Amino acid sequence: QVHVVESGGGLVQPGGSLRLSCAASGTISTTMGWYRQAPGKQRDLVASTTTGGSTKYADSVKGRFTISGDIANNAVYLQMNNLKPEDTAVYYCKAERGGPGWKYEYWGQGTQVTVSS
């Protein structure tokens, strides 16, 4: 059985920092990433990384957020600096296992990040 668990969310003032952690078990990941969903909005990619070391970021977080991790050990982190109120959302971790023409996706339950003064 696959488990994906996030941690590290919380309340922070604008300009502050948070570090999210994600650990997966029961699978072999090829890509891991962070997504976020604000109330009334769709879930969007924040950042992702692959076993090959390539990374992808949403334009809105470039220069402020950094994804890192050890995909081979199913761990990924998101360092979030200079947080803004518009970063407020539930942040979800996704572990993905795939190859040519197929993939499986596993999601965590999410962790709330609130940026407010």
Protein backbone atom coordinates (compact mmCIF):
# COMPACT_ATOMS: atom_id res chain seq x y z
CA GLN A 1 0.00 0.00 0.00
CA VAL A 2 1.29 3.46 -0.90
CA HIS A 3 1.39 6.27 1.64
CA VAL A 4 2.30 9.89 0.98
CA VAL A 5 2.59 12.17 4.01
CA GLU A 6 3.22 15.92 4.06
CA SER A 7 4.31 18.04 6.99
CA GLY A 8 5.54 21.55 7.75
CA GLY A 9 2.56 23.75 6.99
CA GLY A 10 1.37 26.51 9.26
CA LEU A 11 0.68 30.19 9.72
CA VAL A 12 3.37 32.66 8.72
CA GLN A 13 3.51 36.41 8.20
CA PRO A 14 4.11 37.92 4.75
CA GLY A 15 7.80 37.82 3.94
CA GLY A 16 8.35 34.78 6.14
CA SER A 17 9.53 31.28 5.30
CA LEU A 18 8.30 27.71 5.66
CA ARG A 19 9.74 24.35 4.72
CA LEU A 20 7.43 21.54 3.66
CA SER A 21 8.45 17.90 3.79
CA CYS A 22 7.00 14.90 1.99
CA ALA A 23 7.72 11.22 2.45
CA ALA A 24 6.30 8.39 0.37
CA SER A 25 6.39 4.67 1.04
CA GLY A 26 5.28 1.58 -0.83
CA THR A 27 6.27 2.83 -4.27
CA ILE A 28 9.26 3.68 -6.41
CA SER A 29 8.94 7.30 -7.51
CA THR A 30 10.25 8.75 -10.74
CA THR A 31 8.86 12.21 -10.12
CA MET A 32 7.76 13.98 -6.97
CA GLY A 33 6.17 17.37 -6.75
CA TRP A 34 4.16 19.90 -4.84
CA TYR A 35 0.78 21.24 -5.87
CA ARG A 36 -1.50 23.72 -4.17
CA GLN A 37 -5.18 24.47 -4.10
CA ALA A 38 -6.76 27.64 -2.78
CA PRO A 39 -10.48 27.79 -1.92
CA GLY A 40 -12.59 27.86 -5.08
CA LYS A 41 -9.62 27.28 -7.35
CA GLN A 42 -8.13 24.31 -9.15
CA ARG A 43 -5.11 22.40 -7.94
CA ASP A 44 -1.99 23.69 -9.70
CA LEU A 45 1.63 22.65 -9.90
CA VAL A 46 4.01 24.55 -7.63
CA ALA A 47 7.22 22.65 -8.28
CA SER A 48 8.38 19.18 -9.25
CA THR A 49 11.60 17.22 -9.56
CA THR A 50 12.64 13.97 -11.19
CA THR A 51 15.15 11.22 -10.58
CA GLY A 52 17.25 12.83 -13.30
CA GLY A 53 17.42 16.04 -11.30
CA SER A 54 15.33 18.23 -13.57
CA THR A 55 13.02 20.71 -11.87
CA LYS A 56 9.96 22.67 -12.86
CA TYR A 57 8.41 25.69 -11.13
CA ALA A 58 5.25 27.71 -11.49
CA ASP A 59 6.08 31.23 -12.67
CA SER A 60 4.52 32.70 -9.54
CA VAL A 61 7.04 31.01 -7.23
CA LYS A 62 10.26 31.20 -9.25
CA GLY A 63 13.02 32.82 -7.24
CA ARG A 64 11.15 32.32 -3.96
CA PHE A 65 10.56 28.56 -3.68
CA THR A 66 13.11 25.77 -4.02
CA ILE A 67 12.33 22.08 -4.41
CA SER A 68 14.86 19.50 -3.31
CA GLY A 69 14.90 15.90 -2.31
CA ASP A 70 16.05 12.36 -2.62
CA ILE A 71 13.66 10.81 -5.10
CA ALA A 72 15.34 7.43 -4.83
CA ASN A 73 14.33 7.43 -1.17
CA ASN A 74 10.90 8.93 -1.82
CA ALA A 75 11.54 12.23 -0.06
CA VAL A 76 10.99 15.76 -1.32
CA TYR A 77 11.07 19.18 0.29
CA LEU A 78 9.83 22.63 -0.58
CA GLN A 79 11.62 25.64 0.86
CA MET A 80 9.32 28.64 0.62
CA ASN A 81 10.80 32.11 1.16
CA ASN A 82 9.33 35.59 0.93
CA LEU A 83 5.84 34.19 1.29
CA LYS A 84 2.90 36.26 0.10
CA PRO A 85 -0.79 36.15 1.07
CA GLU A 86 -1.56 34.70 -2.37
CA ASP A 87 0.54 31.66 -1.46
CA THR A 88 -2.17 30.68 1.03
CA ALA A 89 -3.50 27.26 0.04
CA VAL A 90 -3.51 23.60 0.88
CA TYR A 91 -0.26 22.14 -0.39
CA TYR A 92 -0.29 18.57 -1.67
CA CYS A 93 2.59 16.25 -2.40
CA LYS A 94 2.41 13.89 -5.36
CA ALA A 95 4.58 10.85 -5.93
CA GLU A 96 4.57 9.57 -9.48
CA ARG A 97 5.84 6.33 -10.93
CA GLY A 98 5.90 6.03 -14.66
CA GLY A 99 7.44 5.04 -17.93
CA PRO A 100 6.68 5.33 -21.63
CA GLY A 101 2.92 5.46 -21.94
CA TRP A 102 1.99 4.79 -18.33
CA LYS A 103 2.10 6.32 -14.87
CA TYR A 104 0.65 5.95 -11.42
CA GLU A 105 0.06 8.95 -9.18
CA TYR A 106 -0.20 8.97 -5.41
CA TRP A 107 -1.33 12.00 -3.42
CA GLY A 108 -0.95 13.02 0.19
CA GLN A 109 -3.73 14.49 2.30
CA GLY A 110 -2.34 18.01 2.11
CA THR A 111 -0.97 20.54 4.57
CA GLN A 112 -2.39 24.02 5.09
CA VAL A 113 -0.18 27.05 4.49
CA THR A 114 -1.61 30.39 5.57
CA VAL A 115 0.22 33.66 4.93
CA SER A 116 -1.33 36.46 6.90
CA SER A 117 -0.42 39.33 9.20
